[in-house]
Amino acid sequence: MRPNGPPGPADAGLMEYTGGASGSVFSDVAAFREGLAEVLPPLREAVGSRDWERARGFAHRLEGSAGLVGEGWVRRAAAGVQRER
C-alpha cells in the first residue's frame, strides 16, 4: 500500500502478508533505511581495517533490523561478518 494513497495492484502481496496492516511495514522499512546510514559507514570502516570485534557489533545491529523488514540477503551477509575472525 502506498503511504499516502489507495492500494495498487503491486500492493496485494503486502496486504495479504500483513493482513491489511501495511502502514507499520512502511514505518519499519523507513526506519531500516535510515538506520543503514548510521551502520554501513562504520561497518565498512571496521571491515576494511579488519577490526572484527567492532565489525561484529555493527553487523549484529544490521542483521537484527534486516530480519525485521524481511531483507534476507542483508541478514545473511551480516551474519557472515559476525562469523569472521
C-alpha atoms as a PDB file:
ATOM      1  CA  MET A   1       0.000   0.000   0.000  1.00  0.00           C
ATOM      2  CA  ARG A   2       1.301   3.438  -0.824  1.00  0.00           C
ATOM      3  CA  PRO A   3       1.796   5.534   2.312  1.00  0.00           C
ATOM      4  CA  ASN A   4      -0.499   8.303   1.053  1.00  0.00           C
ATOM      5  CA  GLY A   5      -2.849   6.622  -1.355  1.00  0.00           C
ATOM      6  CA  PRO A   6      -5.053   3.670  -2.125  1.00  0.00           C
ATOM      7  CA  PRO A   7      -3.535   0.252  -2.674  1.00  0.00           C
ATOM      8  CA  GLY A   8      -2.350  -0.565  -6.162  1.00  0.00           C
ATOM      9  CA  PRO A   9      -2.005  -3.936  -7.918  1.00  0.00           C
ATOM     10  CA  ALA A  10       1.548  -4.462  -6.628  1.00  0.00           C
ATOM     11  CA  ASP A  11       0.346  -3.992  -3.054  1.00  0.00           C
ATOM     12  CA  ALA A  12      -1.785  -7.155  -2.976  1.00  0.00           C
ATOM     13  CA  GLY A  13       1.019  -9.370  -1.659  1.00  0.00           C
ATOM     14  CA  LEU A  14       1.933  -6.897   1.060  1.00  0.00           C
ATOM     15  CA  MET A  15      -1.694  -6.554   2.081  1.00  0.00           C
ATOM     16  CA  GLU A  16      -2.059 -10.335   2.278  1.00  0.00           C
ATOM     17  CA  TYR A  17       1.221 -10.749   4.186  1.00  0.00           C
ATOM     18  CA  THR A  18       0.349  -8.098   6.766  1.00  0.00           C
ATOM     19  CA  GLY A  19      -3.363  -8.766   6.984  1.00  0.00           C
ATOM     20  CA  GLY A  20      -4.027  -5.259   5.709  1.00  0.00           C
ATOM     21  CA  ALA A  21      -1.812  -3.511   8.284  1.00  0.00           C
ATOM     22  CA  SER A  22       0.889  -2.459   5.840  1.00  0.00           C
ATOM     23  CA  GLY A  23       1.316   1.023   7.347  1.00  0.00           C
ATOM     24  CA  SER A  24       3.543  -0.433  10.046  1.00  0.00           C
ATOM     25  CA  VAL A  25       5.595  -2.198   7.381  1.00  0.00           C
ATOM     26  CA  PHE A  26       6.290   1.121   5.675  1.00  0.00           C
ATOM     27  CA  SER A  27       7.369   2.578   9.023  1.00  0.00           C
ATOM     28  CA  ASP A  28       9.678  -0.389   9.639  1.00  0.00           C
ATOM     29  CA  VAL A  29      11.207  -0.128   6.175  1.00  0.00           C
ATOM     30  CA  ALA A  30      11.737   3.623   6.549  1.00  0.00           C
ATOM     31  CA  ALA A  31      13.438   3.096   9.918  1.00  0.00           C
ATOM     32  CA  PHE A  32      15.610   0.346   8.415  1.00  0.00           C
ATOM     33  CA  ARG A  33      16.720   2.622   5.559  1.00  0.00           C
ATOM     34  CA  GLU A  34      17.537   5.448   7.959  1.00  0.00           C
ATOM     35  CA  GLY A  35      19.487   3.033  10.157  1.00  0.00           C
ATOM     36  CA  LEU A  36      21.594   1.938   7.187  1.00  0.00           C
ATOM     37  CA  ALA A  37      23.107   5.413   7.012  1.00  0.00           C
ATOM     38  CA  GLU A  38      24.235   5.024  10.625  1.00  0.00           C
ATOM     39  CA  VAL A  39      25.504   1.449  10.379  1.00  0.00           C
ATOM     40  CA  LEU A  40      27.066   0.962   6.936  1.00  0.00           C
ATOM     41  CA  PRO A  41      29.885   3.553   7.010  1.00  0.00           C
ATOM     42  CA  PRO A  42      31.373   2.388  10.340  1.00  0.00           C
ATOM     43  CA  LEU A  43      30.801  -1.263   9.346  1.00  0.00           C
ATOM     44  CA  ARG A  44      32.738  -0.741   6.102  1.00  0.00           C
ATOM     45  CA  GLU A  45      35.500   1.024   8.018  1.00  0.00           C
ATOM     46  CA  ALA A  46      35.735  -1.763  10.599  1.00  0.00           C
ATOM     47  CA  VAL A  47      35.835  -4.489   7.929  1.00  0.00           C
ATOM     48  CA  GLY A  48      38.408  -2.529   5.922  1.00  0.00           C
ATOM     49  CA  SER A  49      40.690  -2.269   8.936  1.00  0.00           C
ATOM     50  CA  ARG A  50      39.974  -5.889   9.915  1.00  0.00           C
ATOM     51  CA  ASP A  51      38.600  -4.788  13.279  1.00  0.00           C
ATOM     52  CA  TRP A  52      36.344  -7.831  13.541  1.00  0.00           C
ATOM     53  CA  GLU A  53      35.141  -7.163  17.068  1.00  0.00           C
ATOM     54  CA  ARG A  54      33.818  -3.739  16.072  1.00  0.00           C
ATOM     55  CA  ALA A  55      32.501  -5.089  12.744  1.00  0.00           C
ATOM     56  CA  ARG A  56      30.584  -7.833  14.544  1.00  0.00           C
ATOM     57  CA  GLY A  57      28.795  -5.238  16.673  1.00  0.00           C
ATOM     58  CA  PHE A  58      27.636  -3.260  13.647  1.00  0.00           C
ATOM     59  CA  ALA A  59      26.792  -6.444  11.737  1.00  0.00           C
ATOM     60  CA  HIS A  60      24.705  -7.670  14.644  1.00  0.00           C
ATOM     61  CA  ARG A  61      22.685  -4.450  14.561  1.00  0.00           C
ATOM     62  CA  LEU A  62      22.264  -4.735  10.818  1.00  0.00           C
ATOM     63  CA  GLU A  63      21.257  -8.394  10.982  1.00  0.00           C
ATOM     64  CA  GLY A  64      18.520  -7.733  13.517  1.00  0.00           C
ATOM     65  CA  SER A  65      16.984  -4.806  11.705  1.00  0.00           C
ATOM     66  CA  ALA A  66      17.203  -6.563   8.325  1.00  0.00           C
ATOM     67  CA  GLY A  67      15.325  -9.513   9.773  1.00  0.00           C
ATOM     68  CA  LEU A  68      12.503  -7.246  10.890  1.00  0.00           C
ATOM     69  CA  VAL A  69      11.856  -5.974   7.368  1.00  0.00           C
ATOM     70  CA  GLY A  70      12.429  -9.240   5.516  1.00  0.00           C
ATOM     71  CA  GLU A  71      15.770  -8.373   3.936  1.00  0.00           C
ATOM     72  CA  GLY A  72      17.065 -11.939   3.986  1.00  0.00           C
ATOM     73  CA  TRP A  73      20.177 -11.370   1.881  1.00  0.00           C
ATOM     74  CA  VAL A  74      21.252  -8.450   4.097  1.00  0.00           C
ATOM     75  CA  ARG A  75      20.662 -10.561   7.169  1.00  0.00           C
ATOM     76  CA  ARG A  76      22.746 -13.432   5.777  1.00  0.00           C
ATOM     77  CA  ALA A  77      25.589 -11.087   4.784  1.00  0.00           C
ATOM     78  CA  ALA A  78      25.605  -9.508   8.249  1.00  0.00           C
ATOM     79  CA  ALA A  79      25.633 -12.965   9.836  1.00  0.00           C
ATOM     80  CA  GLY A  80      28.676 -13.804   7.702  1.00  0.00           C
ATOM     81  CA  VAL A  81      30.534 -10.756   9.014  1.00  0.00           C
ATOM     82  CA  GLN A  82      29.700 -11.825  12.557  1.00  0.00           C
ATOM     83  CA  ARG A  83      31.350 -15.209  11.934  1.00  0.00           C
ATOM     84  CA  GLU A  84      34.565 -13.606  10.631  1.00  0.00           C
ATOM     85  CA  ARG A  85      37.612 -13.851  12.844  1.00  0.00           C
END
